[in-house]
PDB file of all heavy atoms in Angstrom:
ATOM      1  N   ASP A   1       2.967  -3.701   8.421  1.00  0.00           N
ATOM      2  CA  ASP A   1       3.948  -4.750   8.722  1.00  0.00           C
ATOM      3  C   ASP A   1       5.363  -4.182   8.714  1.00  0.00           C
ATOM      4  O   ASP A   1       6.176  -4.516   9.589  1.00  0.00           O
ATOM      5  CB  ASP A   1       3.818  -5.887   7.712  1.00  0.00           C
ATOM      6  CG  ASP A   1       4.735  -7.057   8.044  1.00  0.00           C
ATOM      7  OD1 ASP A   1       4.598  -7.623   9.150  1.00  0.00           O
ATOM      8  OD2 ASP A   1       5.592  -7.404   7.201  1.00  0.00           O
ATOM      9  N   TYR A   2       5.662  -3.337   7.746  1.00  0.00           N
ATOM     10  CA  TYR A   2       6.984  -2.700   7.695  1.00  0.00           C
ATOM     11  C   TYR A   2       7.205  -1.823   8.918  1.00  0.00           C
ATOM     12  O   TYR A   2       8.268  -1.866   9.547  1.00  0.00           O
ATOM     13  CB  TYR A   2       7.117  -1.862   6.423  1.00  0.00           C
ATOM     14  CG  TYR A   2       8.424  -1.090   6.350  1.00  0.00           C
ATOM     15  CD1 TYR A   2       9.584  -1.720   5.911  1.00  0.00           C
ATOM     16  CD2 TYR A   2       8.501   0.241   6.745  1.00  0.00           C
ATOM     17  CE1 TYR A   2      10.794  -1.028   5.851  1.00  0.00           C
ATOM     18  CE2 TYR A   2       9.702   0.937   6.691  1.00  0.00           C
ATOM     19  CZ  TYR A   2      10.843   0.300   6.252  1.00  0.00           C
ATOM     20  OH  TYR A   2      12.033   0.989   6.214  1.00  0.00           O
ATOM     21  N   GLU A   3       6.218  -1.030   9.279  1.00  0.00           N
ATOM     22  CA  GLU A   3       6.359  -0.122  10.418  1.00  0.00           C
ATOM     23  C   GLU A   3       6.620  -0.896  11.710  1.00  0.00           C
ATOM     24  O   GLU A   3       7.495  -0.530  12.507  1.00  0.00           O
ATOM     25  CB  GLU A   3       5.095   0.736  10.566  1.00  0.00           C
ATOM     26  CG  GLU A   3       4.746   1.566   9.349  1.00  0.00           C
ATOM     27  CD  GLU A   3       5.804   2.578   8.983  1.00  0.00           C
ATOM     28  OE1 GLU A   3       6.618   2.933   9.858  1.00  0.00           O
ATOM     29  OE2 GLU A   3       5.834   3.022   7.828  1.00  0.00           O
ATOM     30  N   LYS A   4       5.874  -1.964  11.905  1.00  0.00           N
ATOM     31  CA  LYS A   4       6.041  -2.764  13.120  1.00  0.00           C
ATOM     32  C   LYS A   4       7.427  -3.412  13.172  1.00  0.00           C
ATOM     33  O   LYS A   4       8.103  -3.381  14.206  1.00  0.00           O
ATOM     34  CB  LYS A   4       4.959  -3.847  13.189  1.00  0.00           C
ATOM     35  CG  LYS A   4       3.579  -3.332  13.519  1.00  0.00           C
ATOM     36  CD  LYS A   4       3.436  -2.984  14.996  1.00  0.00           C
ATOM     37  CE  LYS A   4       3.503  -4.212  15.871  1.00  0.00           C
ATOM     38  NZ  LYS A   4       3.388  -3.864  17.306  1.00  0.00           N
ATOM     39  N   LYS A   5       7.851  -3.996  12.063  1.00  0.00           N
ATOM     40  CA  LYS A   5       9.099  -4.751  12.068  1.00  0.00           C
ATOM     41  C   LYS A   5      10.334  -3.867  12.076  1.00  0.00           C
ATOM     42  O   LYS A   5      11.427  -4.332  12.413  1.00  0.00           O
ATOM     43  CB  LYS A   5       9.116  -5.718  10.881  1.00  0.00           C
ATOM     44  CG  LYS A   5       8.128  -6.876  11.069  1.00  0.00           C
ATOM     45  CD  LYS A   5       8.100  -7.808   9.879  1.00  0.00           C
ATOM     46  CE  LYS A   5       7.132  -8.970  10.136  1.00  0.00           C
ATOM     47  NZ  LYS A   5       6.973  -9.851   8.961  1.00  0.00           N
ATOM     48  N   THR A   6      10.185  -2.607  11.729  1.00  0.00           N
ATOM     49  CA  THR A   6      11.307  -1.661  11.801  1.00  0.00           C
ATOM     50  C   THR A   6      11.182  -0.727  12.993  1.00  0.00           C
ATOM     51  O   THR A   6      11.958   0.216  13.109  1.00  0.00           O
ATOM     52  CB  THR A   6      11.392  -0.820  10.518  1.00  0.00           C
ATOM     53  OG1 THR A   6      10.183  -0.056  10.374  1.00  0.00           O
ATOM     54  CG2 THR A   6      11.599  -1.702   9.293  1.00  0.00           C
ATOM     55  N   ASN A   7      10.205  -1.020  13.869  1.00  0.00           N
ATOM     56  CA  ASN A   7       9.965  -0.173  15.038  1.00  0.00           C
ATOM     57  C   ASN A   7       9.745   1.278  14.618  1.00  0.00           C
ATOM     58  O   ASN A   7      10.242   2.212  15.238  1.00  0.00           O
ATOM     59  CB  ASN A   7      11.122  -0.276  16.041  1.00  0.00           C
ATOM     60  CG  ASN A   7      10.737   0.220  17.409  1.00  0.00           C
ATOM     61  OD1 ASN A   7       9.565   0.175  17.796  1.00  0.00           O
ATOM     62  ND2 ASN A   7      11.711   0.710  18.164  1.00  0.00           N
ATOM     63  N   TYR A   8       8.976   1.454  13.543  1.00  0.00           N
ATOM     64  CA  TYR A   8       8.578   2.777  13.048  1.00  0.00           C
ATOM     65  C   TYR A   8       9.779   3.642  12.674  1.00  0.00           C
ATOM     66  O   TYR A   8       9.738   4.869  12.814  1.00  0.00           O
ATOM     67  CB  TYR A   8       7.679   3.492  14.071  1.00  0.00           C
ATOM     68  CG  TYR A   8       6.531   2.634  14.530  1.00  0.00           C
ATOM     69  CD1 TYR A   8       6.591   1.951  15.745  1.00  0.00           C
ATOM     70  CD2 TYR A   8       5.407   2.459  13.741  1.00  0.00           C
ATOM     71  CE1 TYR A   8       5.540   1.133  16.162  1.00  0.00           C
ATOM     72  CE2 TYR A   8       4.360   1.648  14.144  1.00  0.00           C
ATOM     73  CZ  TYR A   8       4.433   0.992  15.341  1.00  0.00           C
ATOM     74  OH  TYR A   8       3.403   0.169  15.750  1.00  0.00           O
ATOM     75  N   THR A   9      10.827   3.011  12.184  1.00  0.00           N
ATOM     76  CA  THR A   9      12.046   3.725  11.801  1.00  0.00           C
ATOM     77  C   THR A   9      12.327   3.471  10.328  1.00  0.00           C
ATOM     78  O   THR A   9      12.547   2.331   9.916  1.00  0.00           O
ATOM     79  CB  THR A   9      13.246   3.267  12.646  1.00  0.00           C
ATOM     80  OG1 THR A   9      12.960   3.483  14.029  1.00  0.00           O
ATOM     81  CG2 THR A   9      14.487   4.046  12.261  1.00  0.00           C
ATOM     82  N   PHE A  10      12.338   4.540   9.542  1.00  0.00           N
ATOM     83  CA  PHE A  10      12.508   4.398   8.100  1.00  0.00           C
ATOM     84  C   PHE A  10      13.968   4.209   7.716  1.00  0.00           C
ATOM     85  O   PHE A  10      14.866   4.871   8.242  1.00  0.00           O
ATOM     86  CB  PHE A  10      11.958   5.640   7.391  1.00  0.00           C
ATOM     87  CG  PHE A  10      12.182   5.629   5.911  1.00  0.00           C
ATOM     88  CD1 PHE A  10      11.500   4.736   5.105  1.00  0.00           C
ATOM     89  CD2 PHE A  10      13.084   6.506   5.326  1.00  0.00           C
ATOM     90  CE1 PHE A  10      11.697   4.713   3.731  1.00  0.00           C
ATOM     91  CE2 PHE A  10      13.293   6.497   3.949  1.00  0.00           C
ATOM     92  CZ  PHE A  10      12.600   5.604   3.160  1.00  0.00           C
ATOM     93  N   ASN A  11      14.184   3.299   6.779  1.00  0.00           N
ATOM     94  CA  ASN A  11      15.490   3.088   6.181  1.00  0.00           C
ATOM     95  C   ASN A  11      15.258   2.868   4.687  1.00  0.00           C
ATOM     96  O   ASN A  11      14.447   2.014   4.297  1.00  0.00           O
ATOM     97  CB  ASN A  11      16.176   1.870   6.803  1.00  0.00           C
ATOM     98  CG  ASN A  11      17.472   1.501   6.119  1.00  0.00           C
ATOM     99  OD1 ASN A  11      17.457   0.828   5.090  1.00  0.00           O
ATOM    100  ND2 ASN A  11      18.580   1.949   6.685  1.00  0.00           N
ATOM    101  N   SER A  12      15.923   3.623   3.838  1.00  0.00           N
ATOM    102  CA  SER A  12      15.622   3.587   2.409  1.00  0.00           C
ATOM    103  C   SER A  12      15.858   2.209   1.794  1.00  0.00           C
ATOM    104  O   SER A  12      15.104   1.775   0.919  1.00  0.00           O
ATOM    105  CB  SER A  12      16.442   4.649   1.672  1.00  0.00           C
ATOM    106  OG  SER A  12      17.825   4.448   1.877  1.00  0.00           O
ATOM    107  N   ALA A  13      16.884   1.502   2.265  1.00  0.00           N
ATOM    108  CA  ALA A  13      17.189   0.183   1.704  1.00  0.00           C
ATOM    109  C   ALA A  13      16.128  -0.847   2.087  1.00  0.00           C
ATOM    110  O   ALA A  13      15.653  -1.607   1.231  1.00  0.00           O
ATOM    111  CB  ALA A  13      18.565  -0.276   2.164  1.00  0.00           C
ATOM    112  N   THR A  14      15.757  -0.886   3.377  1.00  0.00           N
ATOM    113  CA  THR A  14      14.743  -1.861   3.795  1.00  0.00           C
ATOM    114  C   THR A  14      13.379  -1.505   3.221  1.00  0.00           C
ATOM    115  O   THR A  14      12.579  -2.395   2.907  1.00  0.00           O
ATOM    116  CB  THR A  14      14.665  -1.956   5.325  1.00  0.00           C
ATOM    117  OG1 THR A  14      14.324  -0.673   5.884  1.00  0.00           O
ATOM    118  CG2 THR A  14      15.982  -2.435   5.904  1.00  0.00           C
ATOM    119  N   TRP A  15      13.103  -0.216   3.080  1.00  0.00           N
ATOM    120  CA  TRP A  15      11.830   0.201   2.485  1.00  0.00           C
ATOM    121  C   TRP A  15      11.750  -0.233   1.020  1.00  0.00           C
ATOM    122  O   TRP A  15      10.733  -0.766   0.576  1.00  0.00           O
ATOM    123  CB  TRP A  15      11.651   1.707   2.604  1.00  0.00           C
ATOM    124  CG  TRP A  15      10.475   2.229   1.834  1.00  0.00           C
ATOM    125  CD1 TRP A  15      10.505   3.013   0.719  1.00  0.00           C
ATOM    126  CD2 TRP A  15       9.086   1.996   2.115  1.00  0.00           C
ATOM    127  NE1 TRP A  15       9.228   3.282   0.288  1.00  0.00           N
ATOM    128  CE2 TRP A  15       8.350   2.662   1.117  1.00  0.00           C
ATOM    129  CE3 TRP A  15       8.415   1.279   3.100  1.00  0.00           C
ATOM    130  CZ2 TRP A  15       6.951   2.653   1.090  1.00  0.00           C
ATOM    131  CZ3 TRP A  15       7.017   1.257   3.065  1.00  0.00           C
ATOM    132  CH2 TRP A  15       6.307   1.937   2.081  1.00  0.00           C
ATOM    133  N   ALA A  16      12.827  -0.025   0.271  1.00  0.00           N
ATOM    134  CA  ALA A  16      12.842  -0.431  -1.133  1.00  0.00           C
ATOM    135  C   ALA A  16      12.644  -1.941  -1.269  1.00  0.00           C
ATOM    136  O   ALA A  16      11.892  -2.408  -2.130  1.00  0.00           O
ATOM    137  CB  ALA A  16      14.146   0.000  -1.789  1.00  0.00           C
ATOM    138  N   GLU A  17      13.302  -2.699  -0.404  1.00  0.00           N
ATOM    139  CA  GLU A  17      13.147  -4.156  -0.423  1.00  0.00           C
ATOM    140  C   GLU A  17      11.699  -4.544  -0.132  1.00  0.00           C
ATOM    141  O   GLU A  17      11.135  -5.436  -0.787  1.00  0.00           O
ATOM    142  CB  GLU A  17      14.085  -4.790   0.599  1.00  0.00           C
ATOM    143  CG  GLU A  17      14.003  -6.309   0.666  1.00  0.00           C
ATOM    144  CD  GLU A  17      14.887  -6.897   1.760  1.00  0.00           C
ATOM    145  OE1 GLU A  17      15.562  -6.117   2.464  1.00  0.00           O
ATOM    146  OE2 GLU A  17      14.878  -8.125   1.913  1.00  0.00           O
ATOM    147  N   TYR A  18      11.102  -3.875   0.836  1.00  0.00           N
ATOM    148  CA  TYR A  18       9.715  -4.157   1.217  1.00  0.00           C
ATOM    149  C   TYR A  18       8.762  -3.855   0.062  1.00  0.00           C
ATOM    150  O   TYR A  18       7.900  -4.669  -0.284  1.00  0.00           O
ATOM    151  CB  TYR A  18       9.369  -3.323   2.450  1.00  0.00           C
ATOM    152  CG  TYR A  18       7.952  -3.457   2.930  1.00  0.00           C
ATOM    153  CD1 TYR A  18       7.480  -4.629   3.503  1.00  0.00           C
ATOM    154  CD2 TYR A  18       7.074  -2.376   2.838  1.00  0.00           C
ATOM    155  CE1 TYR A  18       6.180  -4.735   3.959  1.00  0.00           C
ATOM    156  CE2 TYR A  18       5.770  -2.472   3.294  1.00  0.00           C
ATOM    157  CZ  TYR A  18       5.322  -3.651   3.851  1.00  0.00           C
ATOM    158  OH  TYR A  18       4.036  -3.745   4.297  1.00  0.00           O
ATOM    159  N   VAL A  19       8.902  -2.692  -0.542  1.00  0.00           N
ATOM    160  CA  VAL A  19       8.042  -2.315  -1.662  1.00  0.00           C
ATOM    161  C   VAL A  19       8.198  -3.285  -2.821  1.00  0.00           C
ATOM    162  O   VAL A  19       7.210  -3.710  -3.438  1.00  0.00           O
ATOM    163  CB  VAL A  19       8.357  -0.873  -2.120  1.00  0.00           C
ATOM    164  CG1 VAL A  19       7.654  -0.545  -3.448  1.00  0.00           C
ATOM    165  CG2 VAL A  19       7.943   0.133  -1.052  1.00  0.00           C
ATOM    166  N   ASN A  20       9.411  -3.683  -3.108  1.00  0.00           N
ATOM    167  CA  ASN A  20       9.675  -4.547  -4.263  1.00  0.00           C
ATOM    168  C   ASN A  20       9.162  -5.967  -4.078  1.00  0.00           C
ATOM    169  O   ASN A  20       9.035  -6.713  -5.062  1.00  0.00           O
ATOM    170  CB  ASN A  20      11.169  -4.555  -4.583  1.00  0.00           C
ATOM    171  CG  ASN A  20      11.638  -3.244  -5.198  1.00  0.00           C
ATOM    172  OD1 ASN A  20      10.855  -2.540  -5.834  1.00  0.00           O
ATOM    173  ND2 ASN A  20      12.906  -2.910  -5.006  1.00  0.00           N
ATOM    174  N   ARG A  21       8.831  -6.358  -2.841  1.00  0.00           N
ATOM    175  CA  ARG A  21       8.198  -7.668  -2.641  1.00  0.00           C
ATOM    176  C   ARG A  21       6.768  -7.668  -3.181  1.00  0.00           C
ATOM    177  O   ARG A  21       6.216  -8.737  -3.464  1.00  0.00           O
ATOM    178  CB  ARG A  21       8.188  -8.037  -1.154  1.00  0.00           C
ATOM    179  CG  ARG A  21       9.557  -8.329  -0.583  1.00  0.00           C
ATOM    180  CD  ARG A  21       9.470  -9.276   0.610  1.00  0.00           C
ATOM    181  NE  ARG A  21       8.615  -8.786   1.671  1.00  0.00           N
ATOM    182  CZ  ARG A  21       9.037  -8.103   2.728  1.00  0.00           C
ATOM    183  NH1 ARG A  21      10.333  -7.820   2.857  1.00  0.00           N
ATOM    184  NH2 ARG A  21       8.203  -7.704   3.665  1.00  0.00           N
ATOM    185  N   ALA A  22       6.167  -6.508  -3.282  1.00  0.00           N
ATOM    186  CA  ALA A  22       4.842  -6.342  -3.897  1.00  0.00           C
ATOM    187  C   ALA A  22       3.782  -7.219  -3.252  1.00  0.00           C
ATOM    188  O   ALA A  22       2.944  -7.815  -3.932  1.00  0.00           O
ATOM    189  CB  ALA A  22       4.926  -6.620  -5.404  1.00  0.00           C
ATOM    190  N   ASP A  23       3.807  -7.298  -1.913  1.00  0.00           N
ATOM    191  CA  ASP A  23       2.820  -8.141  -1.244  1.00  0.00           C
ATOM    192  C   ASP A  23       2.116  -7.426  -0.088  1.00  0.00           C
ATOM    193  O   ASP A  23       1.626  -8.061   0.839  1.00  0.00           O
ATOM    194  CB  ASP A  23       3.461  -9.440  -0.759  1.00  0.00           C
ATOM    195  CG  ASP A  23       4.590  -9.210   0.252  1.00  0.00           C
ATOM    196  OD1 ASP A  23       4.876  -8.039   0.576  1.00  0.00           O
ATOM    197  OD2 ASP A  23       5.180 -10.205   0.712  1.00  0.00           O
ATOM    198  N   ARG A  24       2.055  -6.104  -0.146  1.00  0.00           N
ATOM    199  CA  ARG A  24       1.323  -5.372   0.887  1.00  0.00           C
ATOM    200  C   ARG A  24      -0.181  -5.594   0.745  1.00  0.00           C
ATOM    201  O   ARG A  24      -0.694  -5.684  -0.382  1.00  0.00           O
ATOM    202  CB  ARG A  24       1.623  -3.872   0.795  1.00  0.00           C
ATOM    203  CG  ARG A  24       2.967  -3.490   1.335  1.00  0.00           C
ATOM    204  CD  ARG A  24       3.171  -1.984   1.299  1.00  0.00           C
ATOM    205  NE  ARG A  24       3.521  -1.489  -0.026  1.00  0.00           N
ATOM    206  CZ  ARG A  24       3.633  -0.206  -0.338  1.00  0.00           C
ATOM    207  NH1 ARG A  24       3.362   0.719   0.585  1.00  0.00           N
ATOM    208  NH2 ARG A  24       3.984   0.166  -1.553  1.00  0.00           N
ATOM    209  N   PRO A  25      -0.899  -5.674   1.850  1.00  0.00           N
ATOM    210  CA  PRO A  25      -2.355  -5.777   1.753  1.00  0.00           C
ATOM    211  C   PRO A  25      -2.970  -4.431   1.405  1.00  0.00           C
ATOM    212  O   PRO A  25      -2.326  -3.379   1.526  1.00  0.00           O
ATOM    213  CB  PRO A  25      -2.770  -6.216   3.160  1.00  0.00           C
ATOM    214  CG  PRO A  25      -1.709  -5.623   4.046  1.00  0.00           C
ATOM    215  CD  PRO A  25      -0.429  -5.702   3.249  1.00  0.00           C
ATOM    216  N   ALA A  26      -4.208  -4.464   0.983  1.00  0.00           N
ATOM    217  CA  ALA A  26      -4.916  -3.226   0.673  1.00  0.00           C
ATOM    218  C   ALA A  26      -5.298  -2.487   1.950  1.00  0.00           C
ATOM    219  O   ALA A  26      -5.572  -3.094   2.987  1.00  0.00           O
ATOM    220  CB  ALA A  26      -6.176  -3.531  -0.126  1.00  0.00           C
ATOM    221  N   VAL A  27      -5.325  -1.182   1.874  1.00  0.00           N
ATOM    222  CA  VAL A  27      -6.011  -0.393   2.889  1.00  0.00           C
ATOM    223  C   VAL A  27      -7.498  -0.720   2.756  1.00  0.00           C
ATOM    224  O   VAL A  27      -8.043  -0.731   1.642  1.00  0.00           O
ATOM    225  CB  VAL A  27      -5.761   1.113   2.667  1.00  0.00           C
ATOM    226  CG1 VAL A  27      -6.662   1.962   3.550  1.00  0.00           C
ATOM    227  CG2 VAL A  27      -4.287   1.444   2.923  1.00  0.00           C
ATOM    228  N   PHE A  28      -8.147  -1.026   3.866  1.00  0.00           N
ATOM    229  CA  PHE A  28      -9.544  -1.469   3.825  1.00  0.00           C
ATOM    230  C   PHE A  28     -10.401  -0.519   2.975  1.00  0.00           C
ATOM    231  O   PHE A  28     -10.393   0.694   3.180  1.00  0.00           O
ATOM    232  CB  PHE A  28     -10.132  -1.538   5.234  1.00  0.00           C
ATOM    233  CG  PHE A  28      -9.501  -2.569   6.120  1.00  0.00           C
ATOM    234  CD1 PHE A  28      -9.048  -2.223   7.389  1.00  0.00           C
ATOM    235  CD2 PHE A  28      -9.354  -3.879   5.711  1.00  0.00           C
ATOM    236  CE1 PHE A  28      -8.474  -3.162   8.221  1.00  0.00           C
ATOM    237  CE2 PHE A  28      -8.777  -4.829   6.533  1.00  0.00           C
ATOM    238  CZ  PHE A  28      -8.329  -4.464   7.795  1.00  0.00           C
ATOM    239  N   GLY A  29     -11.123  -1.112   2.013  1.00  0.00           N
ATOM    240  CA  GLY A  29     -12.073  -0.350   1.212  1.00  0.00           C
ATOM    241  C   GLY A  29     -11.486   0.358   0.012  1.00  0.00           C
ATOM    242  O   GLY A  29     -12.243   0.849  -0.843  1.00  0.00           O
ATOM    243  N   SER A  30     -10.151   0.422  -0.091  1.00  0.00           N
ATOM    244  CA  SER A  30      -9.562   1.221  -1.163  1.00  0.00           C
ATOM    245  C   SER A  30      -9.787   0.647  -2.566  1.00  0.00           C
ATOM    246  O   SER A  30     -10.103   1.411  -3.493  1.00  0.00           O
ATOM    247  CB  SER A  30      -8.074   1.453  -0.898  1.00  0.00           C
ATOM    248  OG  SER A  30      -7.344   0.238  -0.887  1.00  0.00           O
ATOM    249  N   PRO A  31      -9.635  -0.664  -2.786  1.00  0.00           N
ATOM    250  CA  PRO A  31      -9.905  -1.169  -4.139  1.00  0.00           C
ATOM    251  C   PRO A  31     -11.347  -0.901  -4.573  1.00  0.00           C
ATOM    252  O   PRO A  31     -11.602  -0.537  -5.724  1.00  0.00           O
ATOM    253  CB  PRO A  31      -9.630  -2.677  -4.015  1.00  0.00           C
ATOM    254  CG  PRO A  31      -8.706  -2.801  -2.853  1.00  0.00           C
ATOM    255  CD  PRO A  31      -9.154  -1.739  -1.891  1.00  0.00           C
ATOM    256  N   GLU A  32     -12.271  -1.059  -3.626  1.00  0.00           N
ATOM    257  CA  GLU A  32     -13.680  -0.817  -3.942  1.00  0.00           C
ATOM    258  C   GLU A  32     -13.927   0.644  -4.288  1.00  0.00           C
ATOM    259  O   GLU A  32     -14.711   0.960  -5.192  1.00  0.00           O
ATOM    260  CB  GLU A  32     -14.554  -1.239  -2.756  1.00  0.00           C
ATOM    261  CG  GLU A  32     -14.552  -2.734  -2.462  1.00  0.00           C
ATOM    262  CD  GLU A  32     -13.349  -3.201  -1.650  1.00  0.00           C
ATOM    263  OE1 GLU A  32     -12.514  -2.356  -1.267  1.00  0.00           O
ATOM    264  OE2 GLU A  32     -13.245  -4.419  -1.397  1.00  0.00           O
ATOM    265  N   LEU A  33     -13.249   1.547  -3.593  1.00  0.00           N
ATOM    266  CA  LEU A  33     -13.435   2.976  -3.847  1.00  0.00           C
ATOM    267  C   LEU A  33     -12.893   3.360  -5.223  1.00  0.00           C
ATOM    268  O   LEU A  33     -13.521   4.145  -5.949  1.00  0.00           O
ATOM    269  CB  LEU A  33     -12.755   3.796  -2.754  1.00  0.00           C
ATOM    270  CG  LEU A  33     -13.012   5.307  -2.774  1.00  0.00           C
ATOM    271  CD1 LEU A  33     -14.496   5.617  -2.691  1.00  0.00           C
ATOM    272  CD2 LEU A  33     -12.260   5.977  -1.632  1.00  0.00           C
ATOM    273  N   VAL A  34     -11.739   2.804  -5.594  1.00  0.00           N
ATOM    274  CA  VAL A  34     -11.188   3.067  -6.923  1.00  0.00           C
ATOM    275  C   VAL A  34     -12.154   2.574  -8.001  1.00  0.00           C
ATOM    276  O   VAL A  34     -12.464   3.296  -8.964  1.00  0.00           O
ATOM    277  CB  VAL A  34      -9.812   2.393  -7.077  1.00  0.00           C
ATOM    278  CG1 VAL A  34      -9.345   2.446  -8.537  1.00  0.00           C
ATOM    279  CG2 VAL A  34      -8.782   3.059  -6.174  1.00  0.00           C
ATOM    280  N   ARG A  35     -12.648   1.357  -7.841  1.00  0.00           N
ATOM    281  CA  ARG A  35     -13.561   0.806  -8.848  1.00  0.00           C
ATOM    282  C   ARG A  35     -14.882   1.573  -8.874  1.00  0.00           C
ATOM    283  O   ARG A  35     -15.485   1.743  -9.943  1.00  0.00           O
ATOM    284  CB  ARG A  35     -13.801  -0.682  -8.567  1.00  0.00           C
ATOM    285  CG  ARG A  35     -12.545  -1.547  -8.752  1.00  0.00           C
ATOM    286  CD  ARG A  35     -12.891  -3.028  -8.816  1.00  0.00           C
ATOM    287  NE  ARG A  35     -13.491  -3.511  -7.583  1.00  0.00           N
ATOM    288  CZ  ARG A  35     -12.812  -4.067  -6.583  1.00  0.00           C
ATOM    289  NH1 ARG A  35     -11.497  -4.195  -6.665  1.00  0.00           N
ATOM    290  NH2 ARG A  35     -13.436  -4.498  -5.501  1.00  0.00           N
ATOM    291  N   TYR A  36     -15.306   2.044  -7.719  1.00  0.00           N
ATOM    292  CA  TYR A  36     -16.550   2.819  -7.660  1.00  0.00           C
ATOM    293  C   TYR A  36     -16.408   4.110  -8.467  1.00  0.00           C
ATOM    294  O   TYR A  36     -17.299   4.472  -9.242  1.00  0.00           O
ATOM    295  CB  TYR A  36     -16.908   3.143  -6.209  1.00  0.00           C
ATOM    296  CG  TYR A  36     -18.195   3.920  -6.071  1.00  0.00           C
ATOM    297  CD1 TYR A  36     -19.424   3.262  -6.056  1.00  0.00           C
ATOM    298  CD2 TYR A  36     -18.192   5.308  -5.968  1.00  0.00           C
ATOM    299  CE1 TYR A  36     -20.609   3.970  -5.948  1.00  0.00           C
ATOM    300  CE2 TYR A  36     -19.366   6.019  -5.851  1.00  0.00           C
ATOM    301  CZ  TYR A  36     -20.576   5.347  -5.841  1.00  0.00           C
ATOM    302  OH  TYR A  36     -21.744   6.055  -5.743  1.00  0.00           O
ATOM    303  N   ALA A  37     -15.298   4.807  -8.277  1.00  0.00           N
ATOM    304  CA  ALA A  37     -15.075   6.044  -9.025  1.00  0.00           C
ATOM    305  C   ALA A  37     -15.097   5.775 -10.523  1.00  0.00           C
ATOM    306  O   ALA A  37     -15.730   6.517 -11.299  1.00  0.00           O
ATOM    307  CB  ALA A  37     -13.752   6.674  -8.606  1.00  0.00           C
ATOM    308  N   GLU A  38     -14.422   4.713 -10.954  1.00  0.00           N
ATOM    309  CA  GLU A  38     -14.413   4.384 -12.382  1.00  0.00           C
ATOM    310  C   GLU A  38     -15.826   4.101 -12.879  1.00  0.00           C
ATOM    311  O   GLU A  38     -16.201   4.522 -13.992  1.00  0.00           O
ATOM    312  CB  GLU A  38     -13.516   3.182 -12.628  1.00  0.00           C
ATOM    313  CG  GLU A  38     -13.406   2.827 -14.108  1.00  0.00           C
ATOM    314  CD  GLU A  38     -12.767   1.463 -14.356  1.00  0.00           C
ATOM    315  OE1 GLU A  38     -12.991   0.552 -13.549  1.00  0.00           O
ATOM    316  OE2 GLU A  38     -12.062   1.320 -15.368  1.00  0.00           O
ATOM    317  N   SER A  39     -16.621   3.412 -12.071  1.00  0.00           N
ATOM    318  CA  SER A  39     -17.981   3.052 -12.494  1.00  0.00           C
ATOM    319  C   SER A  39     -18.876   4.268 -12.681  1.00  0.00           C
ATOM    320  O   SER A  39     -19.900   4.193 -13.375  1.00  0.00           O
ATOM    321  CB  SER A  39     -18.619   2.102 -11.469  1.00  0.00           C
ATOM    322  OG  SER A  39     -19.020   2.797 -10.284  1.00  0.00           O
ATOM    323  N   LYS A  40     -18.493   5.392 -12.071  1.00  0.00           N
ATOM    324  CA  LYS A  40     -19.270   6.628 -12.189  1.00  0.00           C
ATOM    325  C   LYS A  40     -18.749   7.532 -13.303  1.00  0.00           C
ATOM    326  O   LYS A  40     -19.151   8.695 -13.406  1.00  0.00           O
ATOM    327  CB  LYS A  40     -19.255   7.380 -10.856  1.00  0.00           C
ATOM    328  CG  LYS A  40     -19.931   6.623  -9.719  1.00  0.00           C
ATOM    329  CD  LYS A  40     -21.402   6.370 -10.015  1.00  0.00           C
ATOM    330  CE  LYS A  40     -22.087   5.589  -8.916  1.00  0.00           C
ATOM    331  NZ  LYS A  40     -23.532   5.370  -9.196  1.00  0.00           N
ATOM    332  N   GLY A  41     -17.878   6.996 -14.143  1.00  0.00           N
ATOM    333  CA  GLY A  41     -17.352   7.770 -15.251  1.00  0.00           C
ATOM    334  C   GLY A  41     -16.254   8.731 -14.866  1.00  0.00           C
ATOM    335  O   GLY A  41     -15.979   9.700 -15.586  1.00  0.00           O
ATOM    336  N   VAL A  42     -15.577   8.447 -13.751  1.00  0.00           N
ATOM    337  CA  VAL A  42     -14.519   9.311 -13.243  1.00  0.00           C
ATOM    338  C   VAL A  42     -13.161   8.706 -13.609  1.00  0.00           C
ATOM    339  O   VAL A  42     -12.932   7.511 -13.401  1.00  0.00           O
ATOM    340  CB  VAL A  42     -14.637   9.469 -11.714  1.00  0.00           C
ATOM    341  CG1 VAL A  42     -13.507  10.327 -11.174  1.00  0.00           C
ATOM    342  CG2 VAL A  42     -15.992  10.070 -11.344  1.00  0.00           C
ATOM    343  N   GLU A  43     -12.268   9.535 -14.124  1.00  0.00           N
ATOM    344  CA  GLU A  43     -10.923   9.075 -14.471  1.00  0.00           C
ATOM    345  C   GLU A  43     -10.091   8.952 -13.197  1.00  0.00           C
ATOM    346  O   GLU A  43     -10.073   9.871 -12.365  1.00  0.00           O
ATOM    347  CB  GLU A  43     -10.262  10.065 -15.432  1.00  0.00           C
ATOM    348  CG  GLU A  43      -9.092   9.505 -16.187  1.00  0.00           C
ATOM    349  CD  GLU A  43      -9.499   8.635 -17.368  1.00  0.00           C
ATOM    350  OE1 GLU A  43     -10.720   8.461 -17.610  1.00  0.00           O
ATOM    351  OE2 GLU A  43      -8.599   8.122 -18.052  1.00  0.00           O
TER     352      GLU A  43
END
């Protein structure tokens, strides 16, 4: 969403604002992969 709305142009101020909203969606499958690793005794 950030990349699209900034036309793929990074700006430190807008990026910080975006990150601080804390509402990015997950990369598909990533939460499951983290939990899977933990379930196998992996730190």
